[in-house]
Amino acid sequence: MIRLSIPLRQALARLSMPVLVAAAFGTMLLGKADTVLVERARMTLADALAPIYGVIAEPMGTVRDAVQELRFLAAMREENARLRAENERLHRWQAAALALETENALLRRQLRYVPEGAASFQTARVVADAGGTYARAVLLSLQPGQTPRKGQVALDERGLAGRVSEVGSRSARVLLVTDMNSRIPVVLEGSRSRALMVGTNGERPRLQHWPEGAPPQEGERVVTSAEANVFPAGLPVGMVRWTEGGVAEVELFARLDRLDLLRIFEFGLSGILPPEAVARPEPRARR
């Protein structure tokens, strides 16, 4: 090892910066003066370093792939744990469902339960929002062979829409649940409390006459009641929504502003009688 004196080292340290600056300027001037020579030199250097870059990049790519594989395995492990927990939860629900099914079958046998037949229905297209004597009603176009009756229940694909109020030879009118003349007995599924859903000519009907001390809860599901044999029990109606003024309303499942097709169901109920079935007193002669 060559030992340099202190003055010599100090002189080299002072000269290193000017030498480097001069070399940089010389390289710039050379690049401006002869671009072809510089380009050849640069490409020669690149060709010489390319194999080295390839050798260095290969292990780096391997390390990158290994890191991605580890991340994928960690994500799979988390997903596997989540699926195992979900599978265990589903097994518990399946066991509970089987137990309830067995208990339900036993209770039905004890009560000699006779299952209800499937309700028949007809599908009709909404052709007009013609209220007539009602503010909230729609007009249906009937095809040949379709014979709906007054009082039959109308549902869209989401829930209860109304009931048939008038029937003609080629059309029928459905009174919507939002009309102020609509009165529907309902049940609050959470508390099993009964109430009356009253139309307001607005977007949401109101709830009235629920039991004292058991007010409807926000978000509680509302279904029809079999009270008075007008509607079958359990038809989906909507959800309870309380207004800022403290009024219990029902946010309907049915999209009454987008009605296109309605299904008219025949449940075999006799709660609403046709006009010809209602007995009328005979007029008395004046004496």
C-alpha atoms as a PDB file:
ATOM      1  CA  MET A   1       0.000   0.000   0.000  1.00  0.00           C
ATOM      2  CA  ILE A   2       1.397   3.378  -1.094  1.00  0.00           C
ATOM      3  CA  ARG A   3       1.497   5.907   1.675  1.00  0.00           C
ATOM      4  CA  LEU A   4       1.009   9.499   0.666  1.00  0.00           C
ATOM      5  CA  SER A   5       2.111  12.465   2.646  1.00  0.00           C
ATOM      6  CA  ILE A   6      -0.446  14.730   4.188  1.00  0.00           C
ATOM      7  CA  PRO A   7       0.271  17.718   1.898  1.00  0.00           C
ATOM      8  CA  LEU A   8      -0.072  15.457  -1.174  1.00  0.00           C
ATOM      9  CA  ARG A   9      -3.390  14.081   0.003  1.00  0.00           C
ATOM     10  CA  GLN A  10      -4.683  17.570   0.671  1.00  0.00           C
ATOM     11  CA  ALA A  11      -3.621  18.642  -2.808  1.00  0.00           C
ATOM     12  CA  LEU A  12      -5.406  15.651  -4.406  1.00  0.00           C
ATOM     13  CA  ALA A  13      -8.546  16.381  -2.387  1.00  0.00           C
ATOM     14  CA  ARG A  14      -8.522  19.991  -3.598  1.00  0.00           C
ATOM     15  CA  LEU A  15      -7.972  18.907  -7.217  1.00  0.00           C
ATOM     16  CA  SER A  16     -10.605  16.131  -7.312  1.00  0.00           C
ATOM     17  CA  MET A  17     -13.587  18.441  -7.616  1.00  0.00           C
ATOM     18  CA  PRO A  18     -12.174  20.580 -10.455  1.00  0.00           C
ATOM     19  CA  VAL A  19     -11.061  17.424 -12.295  1.00  0.00           C
ATOM     20  CA  LEU A  20     -14.517  15.891 -12.068  1.00  0.00           C
ATOM     21  CA  VAL A  21     -16.173  19.128 -13.226  1.00  0.00           C
ATOM     22  CA  ALA A  22     -13.745  19.360 -16.145  1.00  0.00           C
ATOM     23  CA  ALA A  23     -14.414  15.719 -17.074  1.00  0.00           C
ATOM     24  CA  ALA A  24     -18.164  16.378 -17.029  1.00  0.00           C
ATOM     25  CA  PHE A  25     -17.815  19.405 -19.276  1.00  0.00           C
ATOM     26  CA  GLY A  26     -15.506  17.476 -21.561  1.00  0.00           C
ATOM     27  CA  THR A  27     -18.026  14.684 -21.877  1.00  0.00           C
ATOM     28  CA  MET A  28     -20.777  17.191 -22.683  1.00  0.00           C
ATOM     29  CA  LEU A  29     -18.643  18.890 -25.315  1.00  0.00           C
ATOM     30  CA  LEU A  30     -17.705  15.543 -26.812  1.00  0.00           C
ATOM     31  CA  GLY A  31     -21.394  14.579 -26.976  1.00  0.00           C
ATOM     32  CA  LYS A  32     -22.218  17.815 -28.774  1.00  0.00           C
ATOM     33  CA  ALA A  33     -19.271  17.558 -31.117  1.00  0.00           C
ATOM     34  CA  ASP A  34     -19.621  13.890 -32.133  1.00  0.00           C
ATOM     35  CA  THR A  35     -23.010  12.386 -31.315  1.00  0.00           C
ATOM     36  CA  VAL A  36     -22.342   9.223 -33.288  1.00  0.00           C
ATOM     37  CA  LEU A  37     -19.251   8.458 -31.225  1.00  0.00           C
ATOM     38  CA  VAL A  38     -21.099   9.045 -27.963  1.00  0.00           C
ATOM     39  CA  GLU A  39     -24.010   6.904 -29.064  1.00  0.00           C
ATOM     40  CA  ARG A  40     -21.658   4.079 -30.028  1.00  0.00           C
ATOM     41  CA  ALA A  41     -19.885   4.316 -26.704  1.00  0.00           C
ATOM     42  CA  ARG A  42     -23.177   4.322 -24.822  1.00  0.00           C
ATOM     43  CA  MET A  43     -24.486   1.297 -26.708  1.00  0.00           C
ATOM     44  CA  THR A  44     -21.185  -0.544 -26.238  1.00  0.00           C
ATOM     45  CA  LEU A  45     -21.431   0.071 -22.515  1.00  0.00           C
ATOM     46  CA  ALA A  46     -25.063  -1.018 -22.508  1.00  0.00           C
ATOM     47  CA  ASP A  47     -24.202  -4.200 -24.404  1.00  0.00           C
ATOM     48  CA  ALA A  48     -21.479  -4.957 -21.910  1.00  0.00           C
ATOM     49  CA  LEU A  49     -23.763  -4.350 -18.914  1.00  0.00           C
ATOM     50  CA  ALA A  50     -26.866  -6.101 -20.315  1.00  0.00           C
ATOM     51  CA  PRO A  51     -25.796  -9.633 -19.227  1.00  0.00           C
ATOM     52  CA  ILE A  52     -24.975  -8.302 -15.788  1.00  0.00           C
ATOM     53  CA  TYR A  53     -28.407  -6.661 -15.567  1.00  0.00           C
ATOM     54  CA  GLY A  54     -29.999  -9.932 -16.673  1.00  0.00           C
ATOM     55  CA  VAL A  55     -28.139 -11.903 -14.015  1.00  0.00           C
ATOM     56  CA  ILE A  56     -29.158  -9.357 -11.350  1.00  0.00           C
ATOM     57  CA  ALA A  57     -32.800  -9.117 -12.520  1.00  0.00           C
ATOM     58  CA  GLU A  58     -33.401 -12.873 -12.466  1.00  0.00           C
ATOM     59  CA  PRO A  59     -33.005 -13.346  -8.707  1.00  0.00           C
ATOM     60  CA  MET A  60     -34.902 -10.110  -8.124  1.00  0.00           C
ATOM     61  CA  GLY A  61     -37.820 -11.458 -10.176  1.00  0.00           C
ATOM     62  CA  THR A  62     -37.660 -14.703  -8.229  1.00  0.00           C
ATOM     63  CA  VAL A  63     -37.761 -12.785  -4.956  1.00  0.00           C
ATOM     64  CA  ARG A  64     -40.695 -10.697  -6.215  1.00  0.00           C
ATOM     65  CA  ASP A  65     -42.615 -13.824  -7.260  1.00  0.00           C
ATOM     66  CA  ALA A  66     -41.870 -15.397  -3.878  1.00  0.00           C
ATOM     67  CA  VAL A  67     -43.209 -12.327  -2.062  1.00  0.00           C
ATOM     68  CA  GLN A  68     -46.400 -12.391  -4.164  1.00  0.00           C
ATOM     69  CA  GLU A  69     -46.807 -16.081  -3.477  1.00  0.00           C
ATOM     70  CA  LEU A  70     -46.454 -15.476   0.259  1.00  0.00           C
ATOM     71  CA  ARG A  71     -49.072 -12.717   0.113  1.00  0.00           C
ATOM     72  CA  PHE A  72     -51.390 -15.017  -1.846  1.00  0.00           C
ATOM     73  CA  LEU A  73     -50.919 -17.803   0.701  1.00  0.00           C
ATOM     74  CA  ALA A  74     -51.648 -15.392   3.557  1.00  0.00           C
ATOM     75  CA  ALA A  75     -54.831 -14.215   1.821  1.00  0.00           C
ATOM     76  CA  MET A  76     -55.853 -17.834   1.184  1.00  0.00           C
ATOM     77  CA  ARG A  77     -55.277 -18.626   4.839  1.00  0.00           C
ATOM     78  CA  GLU A  78     -57.515 -15.762   5.934  1.00  0.00           C
ATOM     79  CA  GLU A  79     -60.179 -16.746   3.387  1.00  0.00           C
ATOM     80  CA  ASN A  80     -59.991 -20.363   4.530  1.00  0.00           C
ATOM     81  CA  ALA A  81     -60.474 -19.324   8.158  1.00  0.00           C
ATOM     82  CA  ARG A  82     -63.451 -17.164   7.201  1.00  0.00           C
ATOM     83  CA  LEU A  83     -65.020 -19.974   5.178  1.00  0.00           C
ATOM     84  CA  ARG A  84     -64.519 -22.441   8.036  1.00  0.00           C
ATOM     85  CA  ALA A  85     -66.256 -20.078  10.461  1.00  0.00           C
ATOM     86  CA  GLU A  86     -69.071 -19.485   7.993  1.00  0.00           C
ATOM     87  CA  ASN A  87     -69.417 -23.228   7.368  1.00  0.00           C
ATOM     88  CA  GLU A  88     -69.610 -23.877  11.087  1.00  0.00           C
ATOM     89  CA  ARG A  89     -72.254 -21.192  11.471  1.00  0.00           C
ATOM     90  CA  LEU A  90     -74.255 -22.658   8.595  1.00  0.00           C
ATOM     91  CA  HIS A  91     -74.058 -26.096  10.181  1.00  0.00           C
ATOM     92  CA  ARG A  92     -75.525 -24.658  13.384  1.00  0.00           C
ATOM     93  CA  TRP A  93     -78.327 -22.990  11.421  1.00  0.00           C
ATOM     94  CA  GLN A  94     -78.963 -26.235   9.542  1.00  0.00           C
ATOM     95  CA  ALA A  95     -79.256 -28.134  12.806  1.00  0.00           C
ATOM     96  CA  ALA A  96     -81.656 -25.508  14.160  1.00  0.00           C
ATOM     97  CA  ALA A  97     -83.710 -25.598  10.946  1.00  0.00           C
ATOM     98  CA  LEU A  98     -83.953 -29.392  11.025  1.00  0.00           C
ATOM     99  CA  ALA A  99     -85.031 -29.293  14.671  1.00  0.00           C
ATOM    100  CA  LEU A 100     -87.683 -26.672  13.905  1.00  0.00           C
ATOM    101  CA  GLU A 101     -88.856 -28.638  10.880  1.00  0.00           C
ATOM    102  CA  THR A 102     -89.265 -31.765  12.999  1.00  0.00           C
ATOM    103  CA  GLU A 103     -91.086 -29.812  15.717  1.00  0.00           C
ATOM    104  CA  ASN A 104     -93.319 -28.151  13.124  1.00  0.00           C
ATOM    105  CA  ALA A 105     -94.212 -31.495  11.559  1.00  0.00           C
ATOM    106  CA  LEU A 106     -95.039 -32.921  15.002  1.00  0.00           C
ATOM    107  CA  LEU A 107     -97.269 -29.970  15.867  1.00  0.00           C
ATOM    108  CA  ARG A 108     -99.033 -30.216  12.524  1.00  0.00           C
ATOM    109  CA  ARG A 109     -99.770 -33.879  13.085  1.00  0.00           C
ATOM    110  CA  GLN A 110    -101.130 -33.102  16.527  1.00  0.00           C
ATOM    111  CA  LEU A 111    -103.361 -30.344  15.136  1.00  0.00           C
ATOM    112  CA  ARG A 112    -104.324 -32.387  12.068  1.00  0.00           C
ATOM    113  CA  TYR A 113    -103.109 -29.535   9.924  1.00  0.00           C
ATOM    114  CA  VAL A 114    -104.229 -29.521   6.298  1.00  0.00           C
ATOM    115  CA  PRO A 115    -101.810 -27.559   4.038  1.00  0.00           C
ATOM    116  CA  GLU A 116    -103.339 -24.774   1.969  1.00  0.00           C
ATOM    117  CA  GLY A 117    -103.358 -25.136  -1.781  1.00  0.00           C
ATOM    118  CA  ALA A 118    -101.298 -22.818  -3.954  1.00  0.00           C
ATOM    119  CA  ALA A 119    -103.152 -19.648  -4.896  1.00  0.00           C
ATOM    120  CA  SER A 120    -103.923 -19.089  -8.566  1.00  0.00           C
ATOM    121  CA  PHE A 121    -103.205 -15.764 -10.219  1.00  0.00           C
ATOM    122  CA  GLN A 122    -103.540 -13.876 -13.472  1.00  0.00           C
ATOM    123  CA  THR A 123    -101.049 -11.369 -14.854  1.00  0.00           C
ATOM    124  CA  ALA A 124    -102.314  -8.107 -16.333  1.00  0.00           C
ATOM    125  CA  ARG A 125    -100.537  -5.084 -17.748  1.00  0.00           C
ATOM    126  CA  VAL A 126    -100.951  -1.607 -16.304  1.00  0.00           C
ATOM    127  CA  VAL A 127    -102.072   0.667 -19.136  1.00  0.00           C
ATOM    128  CA  ALA A 128    -102.996   3.894 -17.347  1.00  0.00           C
ATOM    129  CA  ASP A 129    -102.876   5.668 -14.020  1.00  0.00           C
ATOM    130  CA  ALA A 130    -106.572   6.401 -14.133  1.00  0.00           C
ATOM    131  CA  GLY A 131    -107.913   7.128 -10.702  1.00  0.00           C
ATOM    132  CA  GLY A 132    -111.557   7.694 -11.588  1.00  0.00           C
ATOM    133  CA  THR A 133    -113.321   8.072  -8.279  1.00  0.00           C
ATOM    134  CA  TYR A 134    -110.032   7.271  -6.516  1.00  0.00           C
ATOM    135  CA  ALA A 135    -106.910   9.395  -6.337  1.00  0.00           C
ATOM    136  CA  ARG A 136    -104.522   6.425  -6.285  1.00  0.00           C
ATOM    137  CA  ALA A 137    -105.569   3.675  -8.676  1.00  0.00           C
ATOM    138  CA  VAL A 138    -104.337   2.041 -11.894  1.00  0.00           C
ATOM    139  CA  LEU A 139    -106.177   0.603 -14.865  1.00  0.00           C
ATOM    140  CA  LEU A 140    -105.368  -2.918 -16.077  1.00  0.00           C
ATOM    141  CA  SER A 141    -105.867  -4.268 -19.574  1.00  0.00           C
ATOM    142  CA  LEU A 142    -107.492  -7.720 -19.532  1.00  0.00           C
ATOM    143  CA  GLN A 143    -106.824 -10.387 -22.133  1.00  0.00           C
ATOM    144  CA  PRO A 144    -109.573 -12.723 -23.407  1.00  0.00           C
ATOM    145  CA  GLY A 145    -110.301 -15.327 -20.773  1.00  0.00           C
ATOM    146  CA  GLN A 146    -109.131 -13.233 -17.838  1.00  0.00           C
ATOM    147  CA  THR A 147    -111.921 -12.783 -15.301  1.00  0.00           C
ATOM    148  CA  PRO A 148    -110.710 -11.078 -12.129  1.00  0.00           C
ATOM    149  CA  ARG A 149    -113.175 -10.449  -9.323  1.00  0.00           C
ATOM    150  CA  LYS A 150    -113.704  -7.453  -7.117  1.00  0.00           C
ATOM    151  CA  GLY A 151    -111.652  -7.738  -3.928  1.00  0.00           C
ATOM    152  CA  GLN A 152    -108.857  -9.886  -5.343  1.00  0.00           C
ATOM    153  CA  VAL A 153    -105.340  -9.012  -4.220  1.00  0.00           C
ATOM    154  CA  ALA A 154    -102.858  -7.334  -6.587  1.00  0.00           C
ATOM    155  CA  LEU A 155     -99.105  -7.747  -6.096  1.00  0.00           C
ATOM    156  CA  ASP A 156     -96.071  -6.722  -8.088  1.00  0.00           C
ATOM    157  CA  GLU A 157     -92.780  -8.636  -7.974  1.00  0.00           C
ATOM    158  CA  ARG A 158     -91.879  -7.147  -4.561  1.00  0.00           C
ATOM    159  CA  GLY A 159     -95.021  -6.962  -2.467  1.00  0.00           C
ATOM    160  CA  LEU A 160     -98.620  -5.853  -1.987  1.00  0.00           C
ATOM    161  CA  ALA A 161     -99.818  -3.161  -4.407  1.00  0.00           C
ATOM    162  CA  GLY A 162    -103.585  -3.028  -3.844  1.00  0.00           C
ATOM    163  CA  ARG A 163    -106.828  -4.848  -4.592  1.00  0.00           C
ATOM    164  CA  VAL A 164    -109.303  -4.941  -7.434  1.00  0.00           C
ATOM    165  CA  SER A 165    -112.038  -2.348  -6.963  1.00  0.00           C
ATOM    166  CA  GLU A 166    -113.861  -2.391 -10.323  1.00  0.00           C
ATOM    167  CA  VAL A 167    -114.072  -4.951 -13.130  1.00  0.00           C
ATOM    168  CA  GLY A 168    -115.168  -4.501 -16.721  1.00  0.00           C
ATOM    169  CA  SER A 169    -115.188  -6.722 -19.767  1.00  0.00           C
ATOM    170  CA  ARG A 170    -111.768  -5.599 -21.016  1.00  0.00           C
ATOM    171  CA  SER A 171    -110.278  -3.735 -18.089  1.00  0.00           C
ATOM    172  CA  ALA A 172    -110.118  -3.661 -14.320  1.00  0.00           C
ATOM    173  CA  ARG A 173    -109.215  -0.972 -11.823  1.00  0.00           C
ATOM    174  CA  VAL A 174    -106.923  -1.646  -8.861  1.00  0.00           C
ATOM    175  CA  LEU A 175    -107.176   0.553  -5.779  1.00  0.00           C
ATOM    176  CA  LEU A 176    -103.617   1.102  -4.555  1.00  0.00           C
ATOM    177  CA  VAL A 177    -102.705   0.803  -0.889  1.00  0.00           C
ATOM    178  CA  THR A 178    -101.708   4.481  -0.817  1.00  0.00           C
ATOM    179  CA  ASP A 179    -105.223   5.742  -1.638  1.00  0.00           C
ATOM    180  CA  MET A 180    -106.988   7.469   1.251  1.00  0.00           C
ATOM    181  CA  ASN A 181    -109.881   5.010   0.886  1.00  0.00           C
ATOM    182  CA  SER A 182    -107.582   2.037   1.498  1.00  0.00           C
ATOM    183  CA  ARG A 183    -107.779   0.322   4.888  1.00  0.00           C
ATOM    184  CA  ILE A 184    -105.682  -2.814   5.308  1.00  0.00           C
ATOM    185  CA  PRO A 185    -105.276  -4.912   8.474  1.00  0.00           C
ATOM    186  CA  VAL A 186    -101.600  -5.647   9.025  1.00  0.00           C
ATOM    187  CA  VAL A 187     -99.305  -7.389  11.494  1.00  0.00           C
ATOM    188  CA  LEU A 188     -95.948  -6.129  12.759  1.00  0.00           C
ATOM    189  CA  GLU A 189     -93.696  -9.142  12.409  1.00  0.00           C
ATOM    190  CA  GLY A 190     -91.356  -8.274  15.256  1.00  0.00           C
ATOM    191  CA  SER A 191     -93.949  -7.885  17.997  1.00  0.00           C
ATOM    192  CA  ARG A 192     -96.840  -9.716  16.259  1.00  0.00           C
ATOM    193  CA  SER A 193     -98.980  -6.689  17.084  1.00  0.00           C
ATOM    194  CA  ARG A 194    -101.941  -5.892  14.863  1.00  0.00           C
ATOM    195  CA  ALA A 195    -102.510  -2.493  13.320  1.00  0.00           C
ATOM    196  CA  LEU A 196    -104.404  -0.779  10.533  1.00  0.00           C
ATOM    197  CA  MET A 197    -102.590   0.630   7.508  1.00  0.00           C
ATOM    198  CA  VAL A 198    -104.412   3.686   6.163  1.00  0.00           C
ATOM    199  CA  GLY A 199    -103.727   5.339   2.806  1.00  0.00           C
ATOM    200  CA  THR A 200    -102.977   9.058   2.690  1.00  0.00           C
ATOM    201  CA  ASN A 201    -102.839   9.746  -1.084  1.00  0.00           C
ATOM    202  CA  GLY A 202     -99.089  10.171  -0.535  1.00  0.00           C
ATOM    203  CA  GLU A 203     -96.142   7.884  -1.101  1.00  0.00           C
ATOM    204  CA  ARG A 204     -96.407   6.194   2.297  1.00  0.00           C
ATOM    205  CA  PRO A 205     -99.525   4.973   4.096  1.00  0.00           C
ATOM    206  CA  ARG A 206     -99.779   5.400   7.864  1.00  0.00           C
ATOM    207  CA  LEU A 207    -100.164   2.944  10.712  1.00  0.00           C
ATOM    208  CA  GLN A 208    -102.993   3.387  13.181  1.00  0.00           C
ATOM    209  CA  HIS A 209    -104.696   1.546  16.035  1.00  0.00           C
ATOM    210  CA  TRP A 210    -101.808  -0.556  17.265  1.00  0.00           C
ATOM    211  CA  PRO A 211    -102.001  -1.970  20.833  1.00  0.00           C
ATOM    212  CA  GLU A 212    -101.289   0.439  23.641  1.00  0.00           C
ATOM    213  CA  GLY A 213     -97.748   0.101  24.925  1.00  0.00           C
ATOM    214  CA  ALA A 214     -96.509  -1.697  21.789  1.00  0.00           C
ATOM    215  CA  PRO A 215     -95.711   0.995  19.214  1.00  0.00           C
ATOM    216  CA  PRO A 216     -94.208  -0.018  15.864  1.00  0.00           C
ATOM    217  CA  GLN A 217     -90.432  -0.171  15.823  1.00  0.00           C
ATOM    218  CA  GLU A 218     -88.298   1.558  13.206  1.00  0.00           C
ATOM    219  CA  GLY A 219     -87.439  -0.890  10.433  1.00  0.00           C
ATOM    220  CA  GLU A 220     -89.951  -3.496  11.598  1.00  0.00           C
ATOM    221  CA  ARG A 221     -91.379  -5.599   8.785  1.00  0.00           C
ATOM    222  CA  VAL A 222     -95.099  -5.207   8.025  1.00  0.00           C
ATOM    223  CA  VAL A 223     -97.200  -8.029   6.535  1.00  0.00           C
ATOM    224  CA  THR A 224    -100.907  -8.492   5.914  1.00  0.00           C
ATOM    225  CA  SER A 225    -103.252  -9.891   8.535  1.00  0.00           C
ATOM    226  CA  ALA A 226    -106.047 -12.394   7.962  1.00  0.00           C
ATOM    227  CA  GLU A 227    -108.370 -10.186  10.024  1.00  0.00           C
ATOM    228  CA  ALA A 228    -111.900  -9.991   8.543  1.00  0.00           C
ATOM    229  CA  ASN A 229    -110.921 -12.566   5.900  1.00  0.00           C
ATOM    230  CA  VAL A 230    -110.037  -9.804   3.431  1.00  0.00           C
ATOM    231  CA  PHE A 231    -106.339 -10.560   2.891  1.00  0.00           C
ATOM    232  CA  PRO A 232    -104.353 -13.747   3.464  1.00  0.00           C
ATOM    233  CA  ALA A 233    -101.863 -13.626   6.300  1.00  0.00           C
ATOM    234  CA  GLY A 234     -98.211 -12.931   5.627  1.00  0.00           C
ATOM    235  CA  LEU A 235     -98.179 -10.994   2.344  1.00  0.00           C
ATOM    236  CA  PRO A 236     -95.171  -8.617   2.343  1.00  0.00           C
ATOM    237  CA  VAL A 237     -96.192  -4.971   2.638  1.00  0.00           C
ATOM    238  CA  GLY A 238     -93.220  -2.856   3.743  1.00  0.00           C
ATOM    239  CA  MET A 239     -91.072  -1.513   6.591  1.00  0.00           C
ATOM    240  CA  VAL A 240     -91.966   0.837   9.442  1.00  0.00           C
ATOM    241  CA  ARG A 241     -90.539   4.346   9.150  1.00  0.00           C
ATOM    242  CA  TRP A 242     -91.069   7.070  11.756  1.00  0.00           C
ATOM    243  CA  THR A 243     -91.247  10.653  10.512  1.00  0.00           C
ATOM    244  CA  GLU A 244     -89.718  13.633  12.274  1.00  0.00           C
ATOM    245  CA  GLY A 245     -93.228  14.577  13.397  1.00  0.00           C
ATOM    246  CA  GLY A 246     -93.672  11.247  15.194  1.00  0.00           C
ATOM    247  CA  VAL A 247     -95.956   9.569  12.632  1.00  0.00           C
ATOM    248  CA  ALA A 248     -95.573   5.858  11.932  1.00  0.00           C
ATOM    249  CA  GLU A 249     -95.552   5.262   8.179  1.00  0.00           C
ATOM    250  CA  VAL A 250     -94.916   2.243   5.983  1.00  0.00           C
ATOM    251  CA  GLU A 251     -92.210   2.283   3.325  1.00  0.00           C
ATOM    252  CA  LEU A 252     -93.759  -0.052   0.780  1.00  0.00           C
ATOM    253  CA  PHE A 253     -91.924  -2.915  -0.876  1.00  0.00           C
ATOM    254  CA  ALA A 254     -94.004  -2.483  -4.035  1.00  0.00           C
ATOM    255  CA  ARG A 255     -92.823   0.173  -6.473  1.00  0.00           C
ATOM    256  CA  LEU A 256     -96.123   1.879  -7.149  1.00  0.00           C
ATOM    257  CA  ASP A 257     -94.498   4.584  -9.266  1.00  0.00           C
ATOM    258  CA  ARG A 258     -93.083   1.978 -11.680  1.00  0.00           C
ATOM    259  CA  LEU A 259     -95.939  -0.470 -12.075  1.00  0.00           C
ATOM    260  CA  ASP A 260     -95.898  -2.325 -15.377  1.00  0.00           C
ATOM    261  CA  LEU A 261     -97.351  -5.761 -14.619  1.00  0.00           C
ATOM    262  CA  LEU A 262     -99.540  -6.831 -11.712  1.00  0.00           C
ATOM    263  CA  ARG A 263    -100.463 -10.309 -10.559  1.00  0.00           C
ATOM    264  CA  ILE A 264    -104.089 -10.679  -9.506  1.00  0.00           C
ATOM    265  CA  PHE A 265    -104.340 -13.490  -6.935  1.00  0.00           C
ATOM    266  CA  GLU A 266    -107.345 -15.595  -6.056  1.00  0.00           C
ATOM    267  CA  PHE A 267    -106.991 -16.687  -2.433  1.00  0.00           C
ATOM    268  CA  GLY A 268    -110.587 -17.856  -2.062  1.00  0.00           C
ATOM    269  CA  LEU A 269    -111.437 -15.194   0.523  1.00  0.00           C
ATOM    270  CA  SER A 270    -114.957 -13.985   1.137  1.00  0.00           C
ATOM    271  CA  GLY A 271    -114.239 -10.864   3.156  1.00  0.00           C
ATOM    272  CA  ILE A 272    -115.309  -8.621   0.272  1.00  0.00           C
ATOM    273  CA  LEU A 273    -118.625  -9.511  -1.337  1.00  0.00           C
ATOM    274  CA  PRO A 274    -119.703  -8.450  -4.815  1.00  0.00           C
ATOM    275  CA  PRO A 275    -122.540  -5.898  -4.961  1.00  0.00           C
ATOM    276  CA  GLU A 276    -125.055  -8.477  -6.173  1.00  0.00           C
ATOM    277  CA  ALA A 277    -124.396 -10.658  -3.119  1.00  0.00           C
ATOM    278  CA  VAL A 278    -125.329  -7.947  -0.637  1.00  0.00           C
ATOM    279  CA  ALA A 279    -128.932  -8.207   0.515  1.00  0.00           C
ATOM    280  CA  ARG A 280    -130.824  -4.939   0.244  1.00  0.00           C
ATOM    281  CA  PRO A 281    -134.076  -4.256   2.067  1.00  0.00           C
ATOM    282  CA  GLU A 282    -137.163  -3.955  -0.056  1.00  0.00           C
ATOM    283  CA  PRO A 283    -138.621  -0.454  -0.211  1.00  0.00           C
ATOM    284  CA  ARG A 284    -141.764  -0.084   1.861  1.00  0.00           C
ATOM    285  CA  ALA A 285    -144.933   1.278   0.325  1.00  0.00           C
ATOM    286  CA  ARG A 286    -146.187   4.523   1.795  1.00  0.00           C
ATOM    287  CA  ARG A 287    -149.446   4.311   3.654  1.00  0.00           C
END
